[in-house]
Amino acid sequence: MLHRHGRQPSWILWKLYEQNEPNTVYLCDESIDLWTIPLTNIGDRFQDHEQSLSADERQRASRFRSAKHRRRFTLARGSLRSILSQYLGTSAGAVRFSYGTHGKPRLANTHESPLEFNLSHAGEYALCALAKNHSIGVDIEKIRNADPDYYLRLATRFFSRKEFEVIKAAPEHDRTLFFFSCWTRKEAYLKRHGVGLHLPLSGFTVNVDPAESARLIDTPWRPEDLMITLLQDLPAPRGYQTALAIASPQLKNIRHYTSS
């Protein structure tokens, strides 16, 4: 079951589809497709996902010491391939990737497709976002309840001074949610650019309050992003926080699929 966090802008048209994967999917130029991918109870489809992986993906999977993490990586990457294949009109195993300087995957030039995508996974879920001709980033995090002071210490270490002050001023019982709201918004923005933590989390500022619409407040690294970046919280499975960043403030239609 999916639910919404906070207030969403009225111009966003949320279309939630809890359905199995369609045979083919057409993505409009001004739309975003979001796929929630459960990483448990996948049944017989695990072998299909595993067989669709490339040699380097299988090698990456083998590096996980934990069988659970190895399985979830395989399911996430295999599901990504299955999803992309439906937009490309090919098989999951035929999807080819290239990688940016810091490891962000994108479709190889051989596909000649304007499709952009990003994948994130945490705990028992993965999230995949797709758009045309617009760089995109998405993040999902499992909310772990801990001493609120623990997250305050993390905010001191990783977040901008303004973000830290907002979290510090929040009621103690809200600090955990404030922290994960800030973290997912910042991670989504970093993943949009594919720079990972090569750009410090403290090097830019987002708004923190989960009850407010997500937005980029300050980014000295790329000031032009203030005008062109849509930052958005997303519906999330219970106990998770999610966010999306995309290089287009004009996208209005978001469709949400659940991958079986």
Protein backbone atom coordinates (compact mmCIF):
# COMPACT_ATOMS: atom_id res chain seq x y z
CA MET A 1 0.00 0.00 0.00
CA LEU A 2 1.31 3.43 -0.93
CA HIS A 3 0.63 6.65 0.88
CA ARG A 4 1.57 10.30 0.48
CA HIS A 5 3.92 12.32 2.68
CA GLY A 6 3.26 16.00 3.24
CA ARG A 7 1.52 18.43 0.92
CA GLN A 8 1.93 18.08 -2.84
CA PRO A 9 1.65 20.93 -5.38
CA SER A 10 -1.83 21.08 -6.89
CA TRP A 11 -0.42 20.96 -10.43
CA ILE A 12 1.02 17.49 -9.91
CA LEU A 13 -1.44 14.89 -11.20
CA TRP A 14 -0.81 11.73 -9.24
CA LYS A 15 -1.90 8.58 -11.04
CA LEU A 16 -1.37 5.55 -8.86
CA TYR A 17 -1.56 2.19 -10.56
CA GLU A 18 -1.17 -0.92 -8.44
CA GLN A 19 -0.93 -3.41 -11.29
CA ASN A 20 1.33 -5.95 -12.86
CA GLU A 21 3.84 -4.83 -15.44
CA PRO A 22 2.17 -4.05 -18.77
CA ASN A 23 3.60 -5.60 -21.92
CA THR A 24 4.59 -2.25 -23.40
CA VAL A 25 4.75 1.21 -21.89
CA TYR A 26 4.68 4.56 -23.69
CA LEU A 27 6.14 7.54 -21.83
CA CYS A 28 4.96 11.02 -22.79
CA ASP A 29 7.54 13.77 -23.18
CA GLU A 30 6.27 15.73 -20.16
CA SER A 31 5.66 12.81 -17.83
CA ILE A 32 7.52 10.85 -15.17
CA ASP A 33 6.97 7.15 -14.55
CA LEU A 34 7.74 5.76 -11.10
CA TRP A 35 8.03 2.07 -10.36
CA THR A 36 7.95 0.68 -6.83
CA ILE A 37 9.74 -2.68 -6.76
CA PRO A 38 9.21 -5.06 -3.81
CA LEU A 39 12.40 -7.00 -3.15
CA THR A 40 10.73 -9.83 -1.24
CA ASN A 41 8.26 -12.57 -2.18
CA ILE A 42 9.40 -12.46 -5.80
CA GLY A 43 8.83 -16.21 -6.20
CA ASP A 44 9.86 -17.91 -9.43
CA ARG A 45 10.86 -14.64 -11.10
CA PHE A 46 14.19 -14.49 -9.28
CA GLN A 47 15.84 -16.82 -11.79
CA ASP A 48 14.53 -14.73 -14.70
CA HIS A 49 16.03 -11.59 -13.17
CA GLU A 50 19.32 -13.31 -12.42
CA GLN A 51 19.65 -14.65 -15.96
CA SER A 52 19.01 -11.21 -17.45
CA LEU A 53 22.03 -9.66 -15.71
CA SER A 54 25.24 -8.91 -17.57
CA ALA A 55 28.54 -10.49 -16.56
CA ASP A 56 29.68 -7.38 -14.71
CA GLU A 57 26.36 -7.16 -12.82
CA ARG A 58 26.70 -10.78 -11.72
CA GLN A 59 30.23 -10.04 -10.59
CA ARG A 60 28.98 -7.07 -8.55
CA ALA A 61 26.30 -9.29 -6.99
CA SER A 62 28.91 -11.88 -6.01
CA ARG A 63 30.82 -9.28 -3.98
CA PHE A 64 28.02 -9.04 -1.41
CA ARG A 65 28.89 -11.19 1.60
CA SER A 66 25.28 -11.34 2.74
CA ALA A 67 23.01 -13.64 0.72
CA LYS A 68 20.09 -11.31 1.49
CA HIS A 69 21.90 -8.26 0.06
CA ARG A 70 23.12 -10.26 -2.93
CA ARG A 71 19.55 -11.36 -3.64
CA ARG A 72 18.14 -7.85 -3.29
CA PHE A 73 20.77 -6.39 -5.62
CA THR A 74 19.93 -9.05 -8.19
CA LEU A 75 16.20 -8.38 -7.90
CA ALA A 76 16.67 -4.61 -8.16
CA ARG A 77 18.90 -4.77 -11.23
CA GLY A 78 16.87 -7.48 -12.88
CA SER A 79 13.66 -5.53 -12.28
CA LEU A 80 15.29 -2.41 -13.71
CA ARG A 81 16.15 -4.34 -16.86
CA SER A 82 12.63 -5.75 -17.07
CA ILE A 83 11.10 -2.27 -16.72
CA LEU A 84 13.41 -0.64 -19.26
CA SER A 85 12.82 -3.44 -21.75
CA GLN A 86 9.13 -2.53 -21.87
CA TYR A 87 9.91 1.04 -22.95
CA LEU A 88 12.60 -0.05 -25.41
CA GLY A 89 10.70 -2.93 -26.99
CA THR A 90 13.46 -5.44 -26.33
CA SER A 91 14.26 -8.23 -23.89
CA ALA A 92 15.58 -7.55 -20.39
CA GLY A 93 18.87 -9.26 -21.18
CA ALA A 94 19.37 -7.09 -24.29
CA VAL A 95 19.36 -3.80 -22.35
CA ARG A 96 22.83 -2.23 -22.42
CA PHE A 97 24.22 0.40 -20.07
CA SER A 98 27.01 2.94 -20.09
CA TYR A 99 28.32 4.62 -16.96
CA GLY A 100 29.20 8.19 -16.06
CA THR A 101 32.44 9.34 -14.44
CA HIS A 102 31.09 8.59 -10.97
CA GLY A 103 29.22 5.43 -11.92
CA LYS A 104 25.71 6.64 -12.76
CA PRO A 105 24.19 4.20 -15.27
CA ARG A 106 22.37 5.30 -18.38
CA LEU A 107 21.25 3.58 -21.55
CA ALA A 108 24.07 2.85 -23.97
CA ASN A 109 24.11 4.86 -27.19
CA THR A 110 23.22 1.73 -29.13
CA HIS A 111 19.62 2.07 -27.92
CA GLU A 112 19.26 5.55 -29.48
CA SER A 113 16.64 6.39 -26.85
CA PRO A 114 15.90 9.70 -25.06
CA LEU A 115 14.91 7.74 -21.95
CA GLU A 116 16.57 8.79 -18.69
CA PHE A 117 16.24 6.72 -15.52
CA ASN A 118 17.50 6.31 -11.99
CA LEU A 119 17.29 3.47 -9.47
CA SER A 120 17.46 3.48 -5.69
CA HIS A 121 16.94 0.66 -3.21
CA ALA A 122 16.77 0.35 0.56
CA GLY A 123 15.48 -2.40 2.79
CA GLU A 124 12.69 -4.35 1.10
CA TYR A 125 12.00 -1.92 -1.76
CA ALA A 126 13.58 -0.39 -4.82
CA LEU A 127 12.33 2.66 -6.69
CA CYS A 128 12.89 3.40 -10.38
CA ALA A 129 12.11 6.76 -12.01
CA LEU A 130 11.99 7.38 -15.78
CA ALA A 131 11.64 10.48 -17.95
CA LYS A 132 12.47 11.59 -21.48
CA ASN A 133 15.30 14.03 -22.23
CA HIS A 134 15.61 15.20 -18.60
CA SER A 135 18.26 14.03 -16.15
CA ILE A 136 16.57 12.48 -13.13
CA GLY A 137 17.49 11.25 -9.65
CA VAL A 138 15.50 9.34 -7.06
CA ASP A 139 16.15 8.16 -3.52
CA ILE A 140 14.38 5.81 -1.13
CA GLU A 141 15.44 5.32 2.47
CA LYS A 142 14.10 3.08 5.21
CA ILE A 143 13.29 5.17 8.26
CA ARG A 144 15.21 3.71 11.18
CA ASN A 145 14.09 4.84 14.59
CA ALA A 146 17.02 5.78 16.78
CA ASP A 147 17.89 8.31 19.45
CA PRO A 148 16.93 11.68 17.88
CA ASP A 149 20.28 13.04 19.04
CA TYR A 150 21.96 10.46 16.81
CA TYR A 151 20.38 11.99 13.72
CA LEU A 152 21.18 15.46 15.02
CA ARG A 153 24.85 14.46 15.19
CA LEU A 154 24.67 13.12 11.62
CA ALA A 155 23.06 16.38 10.49
CA THR A 156 25.90 18.32 12.11
CA ARG A 157 28.40 16.24 10.18
CA PHE A 158 26.77 16.07 6.75
CA PHE A 159 24.16 18.80 6.26
CA SER A 160 24.43 22.53 5.68
CA ARG A 161 24.27 24.83 8.69
CA LYS A 162 20.77 26.02 7.77
CA GLU A 163 19.45 22.46 7.46
CA PHE A 164 21.02 21.49 10.78
CA GLU A 165 19.42 24.45 12.55
CA VAL A 166 15.95 23.51 11.24
CA ILE A 167 16.34 19.91 12.43
CA LYS A 168 17.66 21.08 15.79
CA ALA A 169 14.67 23.40 16.24
CA ALA A 170 12.15 20.65 15.38
CA PRO A 171 10.31 18.87 18.22
CA GLU A 172 12.42 15.96 19.40
CA HIS A 173 9.87 13.36 18.28
CA ASP A 174 9.93 14.83 14.73
CA ARG A 175 13.69 14.99 14.23
CA THR A 176 13.98 11.53 12.69
CA LEU A 177 11.42 12.32 9.98
CA PHE A 178 12.99 15.77 9.39
CA PHE A 179 16.37 14.09 8.96
CA PHE A 180 15.16 11.54 6.40
CA SER A 181 13.17 14.18 4.55
CA CYS A 182 16.34 16.23 4.18
CA TRP A 183 18.51 13.21 3.33
CA THR A 184 16.29 11.86 0.53
CA ARG A 185 15.84 15.29 -1.05
CA LYS A 186 19.59 15.87 -1.07
CA GLU A 187 20.40 12.37 -2.34
CA ALA A 188 17.86 12.70 -5.17
CA TYR A 189 19.51 15.95 -6.25
CA LEU A 190 23.00 14.42 -6.17
CA LYS A 191 21.79 11.38 -8.12
CA ARG A 192 20.20 13.61 -10.74
CA HIS A 193 23.68 14.91 -11.50
CA GLY A 194 25.35 11.52 -11.03
CA VAL A 195 28.07 12.93 -8.79
CA GLY A 196 27.43 10.82 -5.70
CA LEU A 197 29.15 12.18 -2.62
CA HIS A 198 31.87 13.82 -4.72
CA LEU A 199 29.76 16.91 -4.08
CA PRO A 200 29.52 17.21 -0.28
CA LEU A 201 26.00 17.09 1.15
CA SER A 202 26.81 20.32 2.98
CA GLY A 203 27.57 22.06 -0.33
CA PHE A 204 23.93 22.88 -1.08
CA THR A 205 20.70 23.39 0.85
CA VAL A 206 17.17 22.02 0.56
CA ASN A 207 14.17 22.74 2.72
CA VAL A 208 13.83 20.19 5.51
CA ASP A 209 10.27 20.22 6.86
CA PRO A 210 8.43 17.14 5.46
CA ALA A 211 5.12 19.04 5.70
CA GLU A 212 6.37 21.57 3.14
CA SER A 213 6.76 21.04 -0.58
CA ALA A 214 10.33 20.00 -1.36
CA ARG A 215 12.53 22.63 -2.99
CA LEU A 216 16.14 23.49 -3.62
CA ILE A 217 17.08 26.59 -1.60
CA ASP A 218 20.74 27.22 -2.37
CA THR A 219 23.34 25.56 -4.57
CA PRO A 220 26.51 27.62 -5.11
CA TRP A 221 27.89 24.70 -7.12
CA ARG A 222 25.27 25.24 -9.86
CA PRO A 223 23.15 28.36 -9.24
CA GLU A 224 21.16 27.79 -12.44
CA ASP A 225 19.64 24.67 -10.86
CA LEU A 226 17.44 26.89 -8.69
CA MET A 227 15.46 27.76 -11.81
CA ILE A 228 15.34 24.39 -13.55
CA THR A 229 15.19 21.74 -10.82
CA LEU A 230 11.96 20.14 -9.67
CA LEU A 231 12.44 18.57 -6.24
CA GLN A 232 9.52 16.41 -5.12
CA ASP A 233 8.58 14.07 -2.29
CA LEU A 234 6.92 10.87 -3.51
CA PRO A 235 4.38 8.36 -2.24
CA ALA A 236 6.32 5.75 -0.27
CA PRO A 237 5.73 2.37 1.34
CA ARG A 238 4.98 2.69 5.04
CA GLY A 239 8.17 3.25 7.02
CA TYR A 240 10.10 4.69 4.06
CA GLN A 241 10.89 8.17 2.76
CA THR A 242 11.35 8.97 -0.92
CA ALA A 243 12.20 11.97 -3.10
CA LEU A 244 12.82 12.82 -6.74
CA ALA A 245 14.85 15.50 -8.53
CA ILE A 246 14.60 16.28 -12.23
CA ALA A 247 16.01 18.95 -14.54
CA SER A 248 12.62 20.31 -15.58
CA PRO A 249 10.13 22.27 -13.47
CA GLN A 250 7.40 21.83 -16.09
CA LEU A 251 6.74 18.12 -15.79
CA LYS A 252 3.19 17.71 -14.52
CA ASN A 253 2.10 14.11 -14.90
CA ILE A 254 3.48 11.40 -12.63
CA ARG A 255 2.35 7.80 -13.10
CA HIS A 256 3.15 5.21 -10.45
CA TYR A 257 3.40 1.50 -11.16
CA THR A 258 4.04 -1.39 -8.80
CA SER A 259 6.27 -4.08 -10.26
CA SER A 260 5.22 -7.62 -9.41
